[in-house]
Amino acid sequence: MPMMRRMGRPGLLGLAARTAVVAGTATAVSGGMQRHAQAKAQDQQQQQEYAAQQQQEQINAAAAAAVAAQQPAAPAPAPAPAGGTDIIAELQKLAALKDQGILTDEEFSAAKAKLLS
């Protein structure tokens, strides 16, 4: 007798096999979507970090330009008198040292008095 194939709803094994295939497919698709989303988020984060780095470099360049623009151009030094020192240049050097915080007010006053005497 030929084997008869049952028609209609699948049996328990068929149902279990179909469920396993559907679950496996869903897991694979879900995993692929998660990997894609993670890669996309990582790329976006790298782009934001790069943009922030570029912006910081522009800020630093603008700050350096602003500092350079605020510094007055040094006037041409007056020629030193023959055999003497240039008092104005020395006073400017002392003032620059005081502005930088290297000399205190007392040290500046003492050096200026010594220079002018």
PDB file of N, CA and C in Angstrom:
ATOM      1  N   MET A   1       0.801  -1.167   0.000  1.00  0.00           N
ATOM      2  CA  MET A   1       0.000   0.000   0.000  1.00  0.00           C
ATOM      3  C   MET A   1       0.857   1.248   0.000  1.00  0.00           C
ATOM      4  N   PRO A   2       0.483   2.104  -0.868  1.00  0.00           N
ATOM      5  CA  PRO A   2       1.266   3.343  -0.900  1.00  0.00           C
ATOM      6  C   PRO A   2       0.986   4.166   0.360  1.00  0.00           C
ATOM      7  N   MET A   3       1.993   4.878   0.744  1.00  0.00           N
ATOM      8  CA  MET A   3       1.881   5.705   1.943  1.00  0.00           C
ATOM      9  C   MET A   3       0.995   6.894   1.647  1.00  0.00           C
ATOM     10  N   MET A   4       0.054   7.105   2.491  1.00  0.00           N
ATOM     11  CA  MET A   4      -0.886   8.188   2.256  1.00  0.00           C
ATOM     12  C   MET A   4      -0.397   9.440   2.961  1.00  0.00           C
ATOM     13  N   ARG A   5      -0.482  10.471   2.294  1.00  0.00           N
ATOM     14  CA  ARG A   5      -0.091  11.750   2.866  1.00  0.00           C
ATOM     15  C   ARG A   5      -1.315  12.417   3.408  1.00  0.00           C
ATOM     16  N   ARG A   6      -1.191  12.887   4.596  1.00  0.00           N
ATOM     17  CA  ARG A   6      -2.322  13.513   5.246  1.00  0.00           C
ATOM     18  C   ARG A   6      -2.481  14.930   4.740  1.00  0.00           C
ATOM     19  N   MET A   7      -3.633  15.337   4.437  1.00  0.00           N
ATOM     20  CA  MET A   7      -3.904  16.677   3.949  1.00  0.00           C
ATOM     21  C   MET A   7      -4.577  17.470   5.061  1.00  0.00           C
ATOM     22  N   GLY A   8      -4.324  18.775   5.052  1.00  0.00           N
ATOM     23  CA  GLY A   8      -4.963  19.611   6.059  1.00  0.00           C
ATOM     24  C   GLY A   8      -3.904  20.293   6.914  1.00  0.00           C
ATOM     25  N   ARG A   9      -4.209  20.414   8.150  1.00  0.00           N
ATOM     26  CA  ARG A   9      -3.285  21.109   9.056  1.00  0.00           C
ATOM     27  C   ARG A   9      -2.046  20.264   9.293  1.00  0.00           C
ATOM     28  N   PRO A  10      -0.886  20.949   9.513  1.00  0.00           N
ATOM     29  CA  PRO A  10       0.336  20.178   9.754  1.00  0.00           C
ATOM     30  C   PRO A  10       0.283  19.530  11.133  1.00  0.00           C
ATOM     31  N   GLY A  11       1.046  18.499  11.262  1.00  0.00           N
ATOM     32  CA  GLY A  11       1.118  17.807  12.537  1.00  0.00           C
ATOM     33  C   GLY A  11       1.974  18.583  13.521  1.00  0.00           C
ATOM     34  N   LEU A  12       2.183  18.017  14.651  1.00  0.00           N
ATOM     35  CA  LEU A  12       2.946  18.659  15.713  1.00  0.00           C
ATOM     36  C   LEU A  12       4.380  18.940  15.281  1.00  0.00           C
ATOM     37  N   LEU A  13       5.016  17.988  14.612  1.00  0.00           N
ATOM     38  CA  LEU A  13       6.396  18.194  14.148  1.00  0.00           C
ATOM     39  C   LEU A  13       6.468  19.302  13.097  1.00  0.00           C
ATOM     40  N   GLY A  14       5.520  19.323  12.215  1.00  0.00           N
ATOM     41  CA  GLY A  14       5.497  20.364  11.188  1.00  0.00           C
ATOM     42  C   GLY A  14       5.305  21.737  11.798  1.00  0.00           C
ATOM     43  N   LEU A  15       4.428  21.811  12.769  1.00  0.00           N
ATOM     44  CA  LEU A  15       4.193  23.081  13.442  1.00  0.00           C
ATOM     45  C   LEU A  15       5.433  23.540  14.206  1.00  0.00           C
ATOM     46  N   ALA A  16       6.093  22.599  14.880  1.00  0.00           N
ATOM     47  CA  ALA A  16       7.315  22.934  15.621  1.00  0.00           C
ATOM     48  C   ALA A  16       8.412  23.393  14.667  1.00  0.00           C
ATOM     49  N   ALA A  17       8.546  22.712  13.536  1.00  0.00           N
ATOM     50  CA  ALA A  17       9.570  23.089  12.555  1.00  0.00           C
ATOM     51  C   ALA A  17       9.298  24.469  11.979  1.00  0.00           C
ATOM     52  N   ARG A  18       8.056  24.743  11.657  1.00  0.00           N
ATOM     53  CA  ARG A  18       7.700  26.048  11.113  1.00  0.00           C
ATOM     54  C   ARG A  18       7.973  27.154  12.152  1.00  0.00           C
ATOM     55  N   THR A  19       7.648  26.905  13.393  1.00  0.00           N
ATOM     56  CA  THR A  19       7.891  27.875  14.469  1.00  0.00           C
ATOM     57  C   THR A  19       9.385  28.130  14.632  1.00  0.00           C
ATOM     58  N   ALA A  20      10.185  27.066  14.560  1.00  0.00           N
ATOM     59  CA  ALA A  20      11.630  27.220  14.692  1.00  0.00           C
ATOM     60  C   ALA A  20      12.196  28.057  13.553  1.00  0.00           C
ATOM     61  N   VAL A  21      11.714  27.844  12.343  1.00  0.00           N
ATOM     62  CA  VAL A  21      12.184  28.606  11.188  1.00  0.00           C
ATOM     63  C   VAL A  21      11.808  30.082  11.344  1.00  0.00           C
ATOM     64  N   VAL A  22      10.586  30.339  11.745  1.00  0.00           N
ATOM     65  CA  VAL A  22      10.132  31.721  11.918  1.00  0.00           C
ATOM     66  C   VAL A  22      10.935  32.398  13.026  1.00  0.00           C
ATOM     67  N   ALA A  23      11.141  31.710  14.147  1.00  0.00           N
ATOM     68  CA  ALA A  23      11.893  32.287  15.270  1.00  0.00           C
ATOM     69  C   ALA A  23      13.348  32.542  14.876  1.00  0.00           C
ATOM     70  N   GLY A  24      13.949  31.606  14.159  1.00  0.00           N
ATOM     71  CA  GLY A  24      15.340  31.782  13.721  1.00  0.00           C
ATOM     72  C   GLY A  24      15.479  32.945  12.759  1.00  0.00           C
ATOM     73  N   THR A  25      14.554  33.063  11.857  1.00  0.00           N
ATOM     74  CA  THR A  25      14.573  34.176  10.910  1.00  0.00           C
ATOM     75  C   THR A  25      14.402  35.502  11.642  1.00  0.00           C
ATOM     76  N   ALA A  26      13.484  35.550  12.580  1.00  0.00           N
ATOM     77  CA  ALA A  26      13.252  36.783  13.336  1.00  0.00           C
ATOM     78  C   ALA A  26      14.495  37.163  14.137  1.00  0.00           C
ATOM     79  N   THR A  27      15.156  36.159  14.724  1.00  0.00           N
ATOM     80  CA  THR A  27      16.374  36.429  15.489  1.00  0.00           C
ATOM     81  C   THR A  27      17.468  36.960  14.574  1.00  0.00           C
ATOM     82  N   ALA A  28      17.644  36.359  13.429  1.00  0.00           N
ATOM     83  CA  ALA A  28      18.677  36.804  12.491  1.00  0.00           C
ATOM     84  C   ALA A  28      18.410  38.227  12.014  1.00  0.00           C
ATOM     85  N   VAL A  29      17.176  38.508  11.667  1.00  0.00           N
ATOM     86  CA  VAL A  29      16.814  39.844  11.199  1.00  0.00           C
ATOM     87  C   VAL A  29      17.011  40.862  12.320  1.00  0.00           C
ATOM     88  N   SER A  30      16.566  40.501  13.522  1.00  0.00           N
ATOM     89  CA  SER A  30      16.699  41.406  14.665  1.00  0.00           C
ATOM     90  C   SER A  30      18.169  41.693  14.959  1.00  0.00           C
ATOM     91  N   GLY A  31      19.003  40.653  14.940  1.00  0.00           N
ATOM     92  CA  GLY A  31      20.437  40.836  15.185  1.00  0.00           C
ATOM     93  C   GLY A  31      21.078  41.716  14.126  1.00  0.00           C
ATOM     94  N   GLY A  32      20.695  41.515  12.888  1.00  0.00           N
ATOM     95  CA  GLY A  32      21.223  42.339  11.799  1.00  0.00           C
ATOM     96  C   GLY A  32      20.813  43.787  11.952  1.00  0.00           C
ATOM     97  N   MET A  33      19.578  43.998  12.356  1.00  0.00           N
ATOM     98  CA  MET A  33      19.098  45.368  12.551  1.00  0.00           C
ATOM     99  C   MET A  33      19.827  46.035  13.707  1.00  0.00           C
ATOM    100  N   GLN A  34      20.073  45.280  14.781  1.00  0.00           N
ATOM    101  CA  GLN A  34      20.796  45.841  15.920  1.00  0.00           C
ATOM    102  C   GLN A  34      22.224  46.212  15.514  1.00  0.00           C
ATOM    103  N   ARG A  35      22.911  45.351  14.793  1.00  0.00           N
ATOM    104  CA  ARG A  35      24.275  45.655  14.345  1.00  0.00           C
ATOM    105  C   ARG A  35      24.295  46.890  13.449  1.00  0.00           C
ATOM    106  N   HIS A  36      23.311  46.972  12.573  1.00  0.00           N
ATOM    107  CA  HIS A  36      23.226  48.132  11.683  1.00  0.00           C
ATOM    108  C   HIS A  36      22.998  49.412  12.482  1.00  0.00           C
ATOM    109  N   ALA A  37      22.095  49.349  13.461  1.00  0.00           N
ATOM    110  CA  ALA A  37      21.803  50.528  14.288  1.00  0.00           C
ATOM    111  C   ALA A  37      23.025  50.934  15.111  1.00  0.00           C
ATOM    112  N   GLN A  38      23.753  49.948  15.644  1.00  0.00           N
ATOM    113  CA  GLN A  38      24.959  50.260  16.418  1.00  0.00           C
ATOM    114  C   GLN A  38      26.029  50.893  15.533  1.00  0.00           C
ATOM    115  N   ALA A  39      26.213  50.360  14.348  1.00  0.00           N
ATOM    116  CA  ALA A  39      27.204  50.921  13.428  1.00  0.00           C
ATOM    117  C   ALA A  39      26.827  52.349  13.035  1.00  0.00           C
ATOM    118  N   LYS A  40      25.548  52.567  12.806  1.00  0.00           N
ATOM    119  CA  LYS A  40      25.079  53.905  12.430  1.00  0.00           C
ATOM    120  C   LYS A  40      25.284  54.885  13.578  1.00  0.00           C
ATOM    121  N   ALA A  41      24.995  54.457  14.811  1.00  0.00           N
ATOM    122  CA  ALA A  41      25.182  55.322  15.976  1.00  0.00           C
ATOM    123  C   ALA A  41      26.662  55.624  16.189  1.00  0.00           C
ATOM    124  N   GLN A  42      27.503  54.629  15.972  1.00  0.00           N
ATOM    125  CA  GLN A  42      28.940  54.833  16.141  1.00  0.00           C
ATOM    126  C   GLN A  42      29.467  55.815  15.087  1.00  0.00           C
ATOM    127  N   ASP A  43      29.031  55.673  13.855  1.00  0.00           N
ATOM    128  CA  ASP A  43      29.435  56.607  12.799  1.00  0.00           C
ATOM    129  C   ASP A  43      28.985  58.026  13.128  1.00  0.00           C
ATOM    130  N   GLN A  44      27.769  58.147  13.611  1.00  0.00           N
ATOM    131  CA  GLN A  44      27.245  59.469  13.958  1.00  0.00           C
ATOM    132  C   GLN A  44      28.039  60.081  15.099  1.00  0.00           C
ATOM    133  N   GLN A  45      28.408  59.269  16.085  1.00  0.00           N
ATOM    134  CA  GLN A  45      29.204  59.772  17.208  1.00  0.00           C
ATOM    135  C   GLN A  45      30.581  60.222  16.730  1.00  0.00           C
ATOM    136  N   GLN A  46      31.192  59.474  15.841  1.00  0.00           N
ATOM    137  CA  GLN A  46      32.494  59.858  15.302  1.00  0.00           C
ATOM    138  C   GLN A  46      32.389  61.165  14.518  1.00  0.00           C
ATOM    139  N   GLN A  47      31.313  61.333  13.769  1.00  0.00           N
ATOM    140  CA  GLN A  47      31.133  62.579  13.028  1.00  0.00           C
ATOM    141  C   GLN A  47      30.961  63.754  13.977  1.00  0.00           C
ATOM    142  N   GLN A  48      30.223  63.552  15.077  1.00  0.00           N
ATOM    143  CA  GLN A  48      30.038  64.624  16.050  1.00  0.00           C
ATOM    144  C   GLN A  48      31.350  64.971  16.735  1.00  0.00           C
ATOM    145  N   GLU A  49      32.154  63.956  17.069  1.00  0.00           N
ATOM    146  CA  GLU A  49      33.448  64.210  17.690  1.00  0.00           C
ATOM    147  C   GLU A  49      34.365  64.974  16.731  1.00  0.00           C
ATOM    148  N   TYR A  50      34.339  64.595  15.462  1.00  0.00           N
ATOM    149  CA  TYR A  50      35.163  65.282  14.468  1.00  0.00           C
ATOM    150  C   TYR A  50      34.725  66.741  14.323  1.00  0.00           C
ATOM    151  N   ALA A  51      33.407  66.957  14.285  1.00  0.00           N
ATOM    152  CA  ALA A  51      32.891  68.327  14.168  1.00  0.00           C
ATOM    153  C   ALA A  51      33.267  69.149  15.396  1.00  0.00           C
ATOM    154  N   ALA A  52      33.186  68.541  16.569  1.00  0.00           N
ATOM    155  CA  ALA A  52      33.562  69.252  17.795  1.00  0.00           C
ATOM    156  C   ALA A  52      35.047  69.586  17.794  1.00  0.00           C
ATOM    157  N   GLN A  53      35.860  68.671  17.300  1.00  0.00           N
ATOM    158  CA  GLN A  53      37.306  68.916  17.221  1.00  0.00           C
ATOM    159  C   GLN A  53      37.590  70.063  16.242  1.00  0.00           C
ATOM    160  N   GLN A  54      36.924  70.068  15.114  1.00  0.00           N
ATOM    161  CA  GLN A  54      37.118  71.139  14.137  1.00  0.00           C
ATOM    162  C   GLN A  54      36.676  72.479  14.715  1.00  0.00           C
ATOM    163  N   GLN A  55      35.563  72.469  15.429  1.00  0.00           N
ATOM    164  CA  GLN A  55      35.065  73.700  16.035  1.00  0.00           C
ATOM    165  C   GLN A  55      36.044  74.212  17.091  1.00  0.00           C
ATOM    166  N   GLN A  56      36.610  73.289  17.885  1.00  0.00           N
ATOM    167  CA  GLN A  56      37.574  73.696  18.910  1.00  0.00           C
ATOM    168  C   GLN A  56      38.829  74.285  18.260  1.00  0.00           C
ATOM    169  N   GLU A  57      39.272  73.710  17.153  1.00  0.00           N
ATOM    170  CA  GLU A  57      40.433  74.247  16.453  1.00  0.00           C
ATOM    171  C   GLU A  57      40.140  75.649  15.912  1.00  0.00           C
ATOM    172  N   GLN A  58      38.924  75.864  15.424  1.00  0.00           N
ATOM    173  CA  GLN A  58      38.556  77.195  14.944  1.00  0.00           C
ATOM    174  C   GLN A  58      38.516  78.195  16.093  1.00  0.00           C
ATOM    175  N   ILE A  59      38.001  77.770  17.246  1.00  0.00           N
ATOM    176  CA  ILE A  59      37.960  78.653  18.422  1.00  0.00           C
ATOM    177  C   ILE A  59      39.373  79.004  18.859  1.00  0.00           C
ATOM    178  N   ASN A  60      40.250  77.995  18.886  1.00  0.00           N
ATOM    179  CA  ASN A  60      41.638  78.246  19.281  1.00  0.00           C
ATOM    180  C   ASN A  60      42.325  79.204  18.312  1.00  0.00           C
ATOM    181  N   ALA A  61      42.078  79.032  17.020  1.00  0.00           N
ATOM    182  CA  ALA A  61      42.681  79.914  16.026  1.00  0.00           C
ATOM    183  C   ALA A  61      42.153  81.340  16.174  1.00  0.00           C
ATOM    184  N   ALA A  62      40.837  81.463  16.422  1.00  0.00           N
ATOM    185  CA  ALA A  62      40.257  82.797  16.604  1.00  0.00           C
ATOM    186  C   ALA A  62      40.800  83.459  17.871  1.00  0.00           C
ATOM    187  N   ALA A  63      40.978  82.678  18.927  1.00  0.00           N
ATOM    188  CA  ALA A  63      41.526  83.228  20.172  1.00  0.00           C
ATOM    189  C   ALA A  63      42.965  83.683  19.970  1.00  0.00           C
ATOM    190  N   ALA A  64      43.743  82.898  19.245  1.00  0.00           N
ATOM    191  CA  ALA A  64      45.128  83.290  18.980  1.00  0.00           C
ATOM    192  C   ALA A  64      45.180  84.562  18.132  1.00  0.00           C
ATOM    193  N   ALA A  65      44.272  84.656  17.167  1.00  0.00           N
ATOM    194  CA  ALA A  65      44.235  85.861  16.330  1.00  0.00           C
ATOM    195  C   ALA A  65      43.813  87.077  17.156  1.00  0.00           C
ATOM    196  N   ALA A  66      42.860  86.877  18.078  1.00  0.00           N
ATOM    197  CA  ALA A  66      42.409  87.989  18.922  1.00  0.00           C
ATOM    198  C   ALA A  66      43.527  88.461  19.844  1.00  0.00           C
ATOM    199  N   VAL A  67      44.286  87.519  20.385  1.00  0.00           N
ATOM    200  CA  VAL A  67      45.401  87.886  21.261  1.00  0.00           C
ATOM    201  C   VAL A  67      46.459  88.635  20.460  1.00  0.00           C
ATOM    202  N   ALA A  68      46.737  88.158  19.261  1.00  0.00           N
ATOM    203  CA  ALA A  68      47.740  88.822  18.425  1.00  0.00           C
ATOM    204  C   ALA A  68      47.280  90.229  18.037  1.00  0.00           C
ATOM    205  N   ALA A  69      45.970  90.393  17.806  1.00  0.00           N
ATOM    206  CA  ALA A  69      45.452  91.708  17.426  1.00  0.00           C
ATOM    207  C   ALA A  69      45.458  92.679  18.599  1.00  0.00           C
ATOM    208  N   GLN A  70      45.329  92.159  19.816  1.00  0.00           N
ATOM    209  CA  GLN A  70      45.301  93.041  20.985  1.00  0.00           C
ATOM    210  C   GLN A  70      46.688  93.539  21.369  1.00  0.00           C
ATOM    211  N   GLN A  71      47.699  92.792  21.024  1.00  0.00           N
ATOM    212  CA  GLN A  71      49.047  93.222  21.375  1.00  0.00           C
ATOM    213  C   GLN A  71      49.442  94.380  20.468  1.00  0.00           C
ATOM    214  N   PRO A  72      49.805  95.514  21.072  1.00  0.00           N
ATOM    215  CA  PRO A  72      50.174  96.663  20.243  1.00  0.00           C
ATOM    216  C   PRO A  72      51.487  96.389  19.529  1.00  0.00           C
ATOM    217  N   ALA A  73      51.572  96.966  18.366  1.00  0.00           N
ATOM    218  CA  ALA A  73      52.811  96.834  17.614  1.00  0.00           C
ATOM    219  C   ALA A  73      53.893  97.623  18.332  1.00  0.00           C
ATOM    220  N   ALA A  74      55.030  97.019  18.470  1.00  0.00           N
ATOM    221  CA  ALA A  74      56.126  97.680  19.181  1.00  0.00           C
ATOM    222  C   ALA A  74      56.650  98.829  18.321  1.00  0.00           C
ATOM    223  N   PRO A  75      56.735 100.026  18.906  1.00  0.00           N
ATOM    224  CA  PRO A  75      57.282 101.137  18.129  1.00  0.00           C
ATOM    225  C   PRO A  75      58.769 100.905  17.872  1.00  0.00           C
ATOM    226  N   ALA A  76      59.225 101.508  16.814  1.00  0.00           N
ATOM    227  CA  ALA A  76      60.643 101.365  16.494  1.00  0.00           C
ATOM    228  C   ALA A  76      61.466 101.997  17.613  1.00  0.00           C
ATOM    229  N   PRO A  77      62.449 101.281  18.106  1.00  0.00           N
ATOM    230  CA  PRO A  77      63.246 101.834  19.199  1.00  0.00           C
ATOM    231  C   PRO A  77      64.044 103.050  18.736  1.00  0.00           C
ATOM    232  N   ALA A  78      64.105 104.006  19.619  1.00  0.00           N
ATOM    233  CA  ALA A  78      64.895 105.202  19.313  1.00  0.00           C
ATOM    234  C   ALA A  78      66.364 104.820  19.366  1.00  0.00           C
ATOM    235  N   PRO A  79      67.148 105.428  18.507  1.00  0.00           N
ATOM    236  CA  PRO A  79      68.569 105.071  18.517  1.00  0.00           C
ATOM    237  C   PRO A  79      69.201 105.445  19.866  1.00  0.00           C
ATOM    238  N   ALA A  80      70.040 104.562  20.324  1.00  0.00           N
ATOM    239  CA  ALA A  80      70.702 104.799  21.612  1.00  0.00           C
ATOM    240  C   ALA A  80      71.716 105.925  21.457  1.00  0.00           C
ATOM    241  N   PRO A  81      71.799 106.765  22.476  1.00  0.00           N
ATOM    242  CA  PRO A  81      72.810 107.811  22.407  1.00  0.00           C
ATOM    243  C   PRO A  81      74.198 107.188  22.376  1.00  0.00           C
ATOM    244  N   ALA A  82      75.093 107.849  21.734  1.00  0.00           N
ATOM    245  CA  ALA A  82      76.447 107.319  21.593  1.00  0.00           C
ATOM    246  C   ALA A  82      77.057 107.108  22.968  1.00  0.00           C
ATOM    247  N   GLY A  83      77.502 105.882  23.221  1.00  0.00           N
ATOM    248  CA  GLY A  83      78.185 105.586  24.471  1.00  0.00           C
ATOM    249  C   GLY A  83      77.245 105.409  25.652  1.00  0.00           C
ATOM    250  N   GLY A  84      75.895 105.503  25.498  1.00  0.00           N
ATOM    251  CA  GLY A  84      74.971 105.386  26.622  1.00  0.00           C
ATOM    252  C   GLY A  84      73.945 104.294  26.376  1.00  0.00           C
ATOM    253  N   THR A  85      73.026 104.127  27.332  1.00  0.00           N
ATOM    254  CA  THR A  85      71.963 103.132  27.159  1.00  0.00           C
ATOM    255  C   THR A  85      70.689 103.848  26.737  1.00  0.00           C
ATOM    256  N   ASP A  86      69.807 103.142  26.094  1.00  0.00           N
ATOM    257  CA  ASP A  86      68.531 103.689  25.666  1.00  0.00           C
ATOM    258  C   ASP A  86      67.559 103.574  26.836  1.00  0.00           C
ATOM    259  N   ILE A  87      67.290 104.691  27.496  1.00  0.00           N
ATOM    260  CA  ILE A  87      66.476 104.705  28.707  1.00  0.00           C
ATOM    261  C   ILE A  87      65.046 104.294  28.396  1.00  0.00           C
ATOM    262  N   ILE A  88      64.504 104.777  27.280  1.00  0.00           N
ATOM    263  CA  ILE A  88      63.114 104.459  26.933  1.00  0.00           C
ATOM    264  C   ILE A  88      62.956 102.948  26.700  1.00  0.00           C
ATOM    265  N   ALA A  89      63.894 102.354  25.976  1.00  0.00           N
ATOM    266  CA  ALA A  89      63.824 100.916  25.713  1.00  0.00           C
ATOM    267  C   ALA A  89      63.924 100.128  27.012  1.00  0.00           C
ATOM    268  N   GLU A  90      64.793 100.556  27.913  1.00  0.00           N
ATOM    269  CA  GLU A  90      64.950  99.875  29.194  1.00  0.00           C
ATOM    270  C   GLU A  90      63.674  99.997  30.034  1.00  0.00           C
ATOM    271  N   LEU A  91      63.042 101.190  30.008  1.00  0.00           N
ATOM    272  CA  LEU A  91      61.785 101.366  30.741  1.00  0.00           C
ATOM    273  C   LEU A  91      60.688 100.473  30.152  1.00  0.00           C
ATOM    274  N   GLN A  92      60.669 100.353  28.832  1.00  0.00           N
ATOM    275  CA  GLN A  92      59.680  99.487  28.189  1.00  0.00           C
ATOM    276  C   GLN A  92      59.907  98.021  28.570  1.00  0.00           C
ATOM    277  N   LYS A  93      61.162  97.614  28.640  1.00  0.00           N
ATOM    278  CA  LYS A  93      61.460  96.243  29.045  1.00  0.00           C
ATOM    279  C   LYS A  93      61.005  95.997  30.481  1.00  0.00           C
ATOM    280  N   LEU A  94      61.269  96.985  31.357  1.00  0.00           N
ATOM    281  CA  LEU A  94      60.839  96.840  32.751  1.00  0.00           C
ATOM    282  C   LEU A  94      59.308  96.770  32.845  1.00  0.00           C
ATOM    283  N   ALA A  95      58.623  97.607  32.073  1.00  0.00           N
ATOM    284  CA  ALA A  95      57.157  97.602  32.095  1.00  0.00           C
ATOM    285  C   ALA A  95      56.611  96.265  31.590  1.00  0.00           C
ATOM    286  N   ALA A  96      57.243  95.718  30.561  1.00  0.00           N
ATOM    287  CA  ALA A  96      56.809  94.424  30.036  1.00  0.00           C
ATOM    288  C   ALA A  96      57.006  93.327  31.081  1.00  0.00           C
ATOM    289  N   LEU A  97      58.121  93.361  31.791  1.00  0.00           N
ATOM    290  CA  LEU A  97      58.372  92.372  32.842  1.00  0.00           C
ATOM    291  C   LEU A  97      57.340  92.500  33.967  1.00  0.00           C
ATOM    292  N   LYS A  98      56.978  93.739  34.289  1.00  0.00           N
ATOM    293  CA  LYS A  98      55.969  93.960  35.328  1.00  0.00           C
ATOM    294  C   LYS A  98      54.608  93.452  34.854  1.00  0.00           C
ATOM    295  N   ASP A  99      54.243  93.719  33.585  1.00  0.00           N
ATOM    296  CA  ASP A  99      52.963  93.265  33.042  1.00  0.00           C
ATOM    297  C   ASP A  99      52.870  91.738  33.003  1.00  0.00           C
ATOM    298  N   GLN A 100      53.985  91.082  32.782  1.00  0.00           N
ATOM    299  CA  GLN A 100      54.006  89.621  32.737  1.00  0.00           C
ATOM    300  C   GLN A 100      53.998  89.018  34.134  1.00  0.00           C
ATOM    301  N   GLY A 101      54.173  89.846  35.154  1.00  0.00           N
ATOM    302  CA  GLY A 101      54.152  89.339  36.526  1.00  0.00           C
ATOM    303  C   GLY A 101      55.514  88.895  37.010  1.00  0.00           C
ATOM    304  N   ILE A 102      56.548  89.150  36.232  1.00  0.00           N
ATOM    305  CA  ILE A 102      57.902  88.749  36.641  1.00  0.00           C
ATOM    306  C   ILE A 102      58.424  89.698  37.712  1.00  0.00           C
ATOM    307  N   LEU A 103      58.118  90.994  37.581  1.00  0.00           N
ATOM    308  CA  LEU A 103      58.532  91.993  38.569  1.00  0.00           C
ATOM    309  C   LEU A 103      57.330  92.441  39.390  1.00  0.00           C
ATOM    310  N   THR A 104      57.555  92.662  40.667  1.00  0.00           N
ATOM    311  CA  THR A 104      56.502  93.223  41.516  1.00  0.00           C
ATOM    312  C   THR A 104      56.529  94.740  41.362  1.00  0.00           C
ATOM    313  N   ASP A 105      55.534  95.412  41.934  1.00  0.00           N
ATOM    314  CA  ASP A 105      55.492  96.876  41.863  1.00  0.00           C
ATOM    315  C   ASP A 105      56.722  97.493  42.526  1.00  0.00           C
ATOM    316  N   GLU A 106      57.148  96.927  43.655  1.00  0.00           N
ATOM    317  CA  GLU A 106      58.313  97.466  44.366  1.00  0.00           C
ATOM    318  C   GLU A 106      59.588  97.294  43.552  1.00  0.00           C
ATOM    319  N   GLU A 107      59.746  96.112  42.948  1.00  0.00           N
ATOM    320  CA  GLU A 107      60.939  95.856  42.133  1.00  0.00           C
ATOM    321  C   GLU A 107      60.950  96.773  40.906  1.00  0.00           C
ATOM    322  N   PHE A 108      59.782  96.967  40.312  1.00  0.00           N
ATOM    323  CA  PHE A 108      59.698  97.843  39.153  1.00  0.00           C
ATOM    324  C   PHE A 108      60.072  99.271  39.522  1.00  0.00           C
ATOM    325  N   SER A 109      59.534  99.760  40.653  1.00  0.00           N
ATOM    326  CA  SER A 109      59.831 101.135  41.088  1.00  0.00           C
ATOM    327  C   SER A 109      61.321 101.299  41.374  1.00  0.00           C
ATOM    328  N   ALA A 110      61.925 100.314  42.031  1.00  0.00           N
ATOM    329  CA  ALA A 110      63.350 100.393  42.371  1.00  0.00           C
ATOM    330  C   ALA A 110      64.197 100.395  41.090  1.00  0.00           C
ATOM    331  N   ALA A 111      63.870  99.532  40.133  1.00  0.00           N
ATOM    332  CA  ALA A 111      64.646  99.461  38.896  1.00  0.00           C
ATOM    333  C   ALA A 111      64.465 100.734  38.075  1.00  0.00           C
ATOM    334  N   LYS A 112      63.275 101.280  38.073  1.00  0.00           N
ATOM    335  CA  LYS A 112      63.023 102.527  37.330  1.00  0.00           C
ATOM    336  C   LYS A 112      63.794 103.681  37.957  1.00  0.00           C
ATOM    337  N   ALA A 113      63.774 103.757  39.280  1.00  0.00           N
ATOM    338  CA  ALA A 113      64.512 104.823  39.956  1.00  0.00           C
ATOM    339  C   ALA A 113      66.001 104.707  39.675  1.00  0.00           C
ATOM    340  N   LYS A 114      66.519 103.511  39.697  1.00  0.00           N
ATOM    341  CA  LYS A 114      67.946 103.285  39.429  1.00  0.00           C
ATOM    342  C   LYS A 114      68.282 103.694  37.990  1.00  0.00           C
ATOM    343  N   LEU A 115      67.410 103.371  37.074  1.00  0.00           N
ATOM    344  CA  LEU A 115      67.639 103.681  35.661  1.00  0.00           C
ATOM    345  C   LEU A 115      67.579 105.186  35.414  1.00  0.00           C
ATOM    346  N   LEU A 116      66.663 105.878  36.075  1.00  0.00           N
ATOM    347  CA  LEU A 116      66.496 107.313  35.836  1.00  0.00           C
ATOM    348  C   LEU A 116      67.516 108.158  36.577  1.00  0.00           C
ATOM    349  N   SER A 117      68.201 107.584  37.529  1.00  0.00           N
ATOM    350  CA  SER A 117      69.179 108.394  38.282  1.00  0.00           C
ATOM    351  C   SER A 117      70.496 108.507  37.562  1.00  0.00           C
TER     352      SER A 117
END
